[in-house]
Structures are given as structure tokens and as C-alpha cells.
Amino acid sequence: MPAMKAQKEKVSERIYLTFPKELVKEPLVCQLAKKFDILFNIRGSTVTTEMGLVALEIDGERAEVDKAIKWLKDKGVIVEPIEKNVIE
């Protein structure tokens, strides 16, 4: 049973998404919210015709957040954690 409890754990992941040129016009963040039981908050973004960089905060149960991140990677988005500042 402990494994089930871990899956229900609420988490908040802060990640950078880098969209290559061919994905810049795709509504992947919108699809993310429709496909998975998560909430997201865009913390910052820079988008050009060549690439997109989005700082995203994803909240939800651990299993859903993990599936959402895997889905983004499978689509071709580069996903990197936002390192927390040690001095806050």
C-alpha cells in the first residue's frame, strides 16, 4: 500500500521547457492541461520564430505530473528542472 500513497502525493514541479523551431506554434501547454489532471502556471517565457523557452510550474499528484513531463519529452520538448536558489 505505501506505493499507492506515494502516487497520491501532491507535488509542485518547476521546469524549463525548450521548444525547438518545429514545435513553437504547437499548443502543447494547452494540451497538457487537457490530457492530464494538473494545474500549471507560466512563470516566464520567451518565444521567437526559432525557439520557445517557458518557465512552468506544474501542480498535481506525483503520477500525473510525471506522466505530463514524460508526454512533453515524447513530443520533442526539452524539459529541465529549475534549480531552486539556495539563498531565499
Protein backbone atom coordinates (compact mmCIF):
# COMPACT_ATOMS: atom_id res chain seq x y z
CA MET A 1 0.00 0.00 0.00
CA PRO A 2 2.83 2.55 0.55
CA ALA A 3 3.35 2.74 -3.22
CA MET A 4 -0.24 3.94 -3.68
CA LYS A 5 0.24 6.70 -1.12
CA ALA A 6 3.34 7.96 -2.92
CA GLN A 7 1.34 8.23 -6.16
CA LYS A 8 -1.27 10.42 -4.43
CA GLU A 9 1.37 12.79 -3.08
CA LYS A 10 0.76 16.38 -4.22
CA VAL A 11 3.81 17.99 -5.79
CA SER A 12 4.80 21.23 -7.43
CA GLU A 13 7.47 20.94 -10.12
CA ARG A 14 9.22 23.98 -11.58
CA ILE A 15 10.67 23.27 -15.01
CA TYR A 16 12.04 24.98 -18.09
CA LEU A 17 10.56 23.88 -21.39
CA THR A 18 12.59 24.48 -24.54
CA PHE A 19 10.56 24.19 -27.72
CA PRO A 20 12.51 23.64 -30.94
CA LYS A 21 11.54 25.65 -34.03
CA GLU A 22 9.15 22.99 -35.35
CA LEU A 23 7.14 22.98 -32.09
CA VAL A 24 6.91 26.74 -31.41
CA LYS A 25 3.41 27.07 -32.90
CA GLU A 26 2.02 23.87 -31.33
CA PRO A 27 -0.40 24.41 -28.38
CA LEU A 28 1.36 21.83 -26.21
CA VAL A 29 0.91 23.61 -22.87
CA CYS A 30 -2.83 23.86 -23.51
CA GLN A 31 -2.97 20.17 -24.47
CA LEU A 32 -1.03 19.35 -21.31
CA ALA A 33 -3.82 20.74 -19.12
CA LYS A 34 -6.49 18.86 -21.08
CA LYS A 35 -4.69 15.50 -21.15
CA PHE A 36 -3.54 15.39 -17.52
CA ASP A 37 -5.09 16.21 -14.16
CA ILE A 38 -2.68 19.04 -13.38
CA LEU A 39 -2.62 22.78 -12.90
CA PHE A 40 0.07 24.88 -14.47
CA ASN A 41 1.33 28.40 -14.05
CA ILE A 42 3.54 30.07 -16.66
CA ARG A 43 6.23 31.89 -14.67
CA GLY A 44 8.00 33.37 -17.68
CA SER A 45 8.53 32.86 -21.38
CA THR A 46 10.48 33.96 -24.40
CA VAL A 47 9.22 32.89 -27.79
CA THR A 48 10.72 33.64 -31.19
CA THR A 49 10.25 32.06 -34.61
CA GLU A 50 13.37 29.97 -33.89
CA MET A 51 12.60 28.62 -30.42
CA GLY A 52 10.49 28.93 -27.30
CA LEU A 53 11.58 28.90 -23.67
CA VAL A 54 8.91 28.64 -20.98
CA ALA A 55 9.33 28.53 -17.21
CA LEU A 56 6.43 26.41 -15.99
CA GLU A 57 5.18 25.39 -12.57
CA ILE A 58 3.12 22.18 -12.62
CA ASP A 59 1.00 21.17 -9.63
CA GLY A 60 -0.78 17.86 -9.14
CA GLU A 61 -0.41 14.32 -7.93
CA ARG A 62 3.07 12.90 -8.46
CA ALA A 63 1.92 10.28 -11.00
CA GLU A 64 0.08 12.85 -13.16
CA VAL A 65 2.96 15.34 -13.05
CA ASP A 66 5.41 12.59 -14.05
CA LYS A 67 3.15 11.49 -16.94
CA ALA A 68 2.77 15.10 -18.12
CA ILE A 69 6.54 15.65 -18.13
CA LYS A 70 7.12 12.37 -19.98
CA TRP A 71 4.49 13.36 -22.57
CA LEU A 72 6.23 16.68 -23.19
CA LYS A 73 9.58 14.92 -23.66
CA ASP A 74 7.98 12.40 -26.02
CA LYS A 75 6.67 15.32 -28.10
CA GLY A 76 10.21 16.66 -28.51
CA VAL A 77 10.26 19.36 -25.83
CA ILE A 78 13.45 19.64 -23.78
CA VAL A 79 12.46 19.57 -20.09
CA GLU A 80 14.91 20.73 -17.42
CA PRO A 81 14.35 21.39 -13.72
CA ILE A 82 14.54 24.96 -12.47
CA GLU A 83 17.14 24.89 -9.74
CA LYS A 84 15.95 26.46 -6.53
CA ASN A 85 18.06 29.28 -5.23
CA VAL A 86 19.82 28.11 -2.08
CA ILE A 87 19.53 31.61 -0.57
CA GLU A 88 15.87 32.61 -0.49
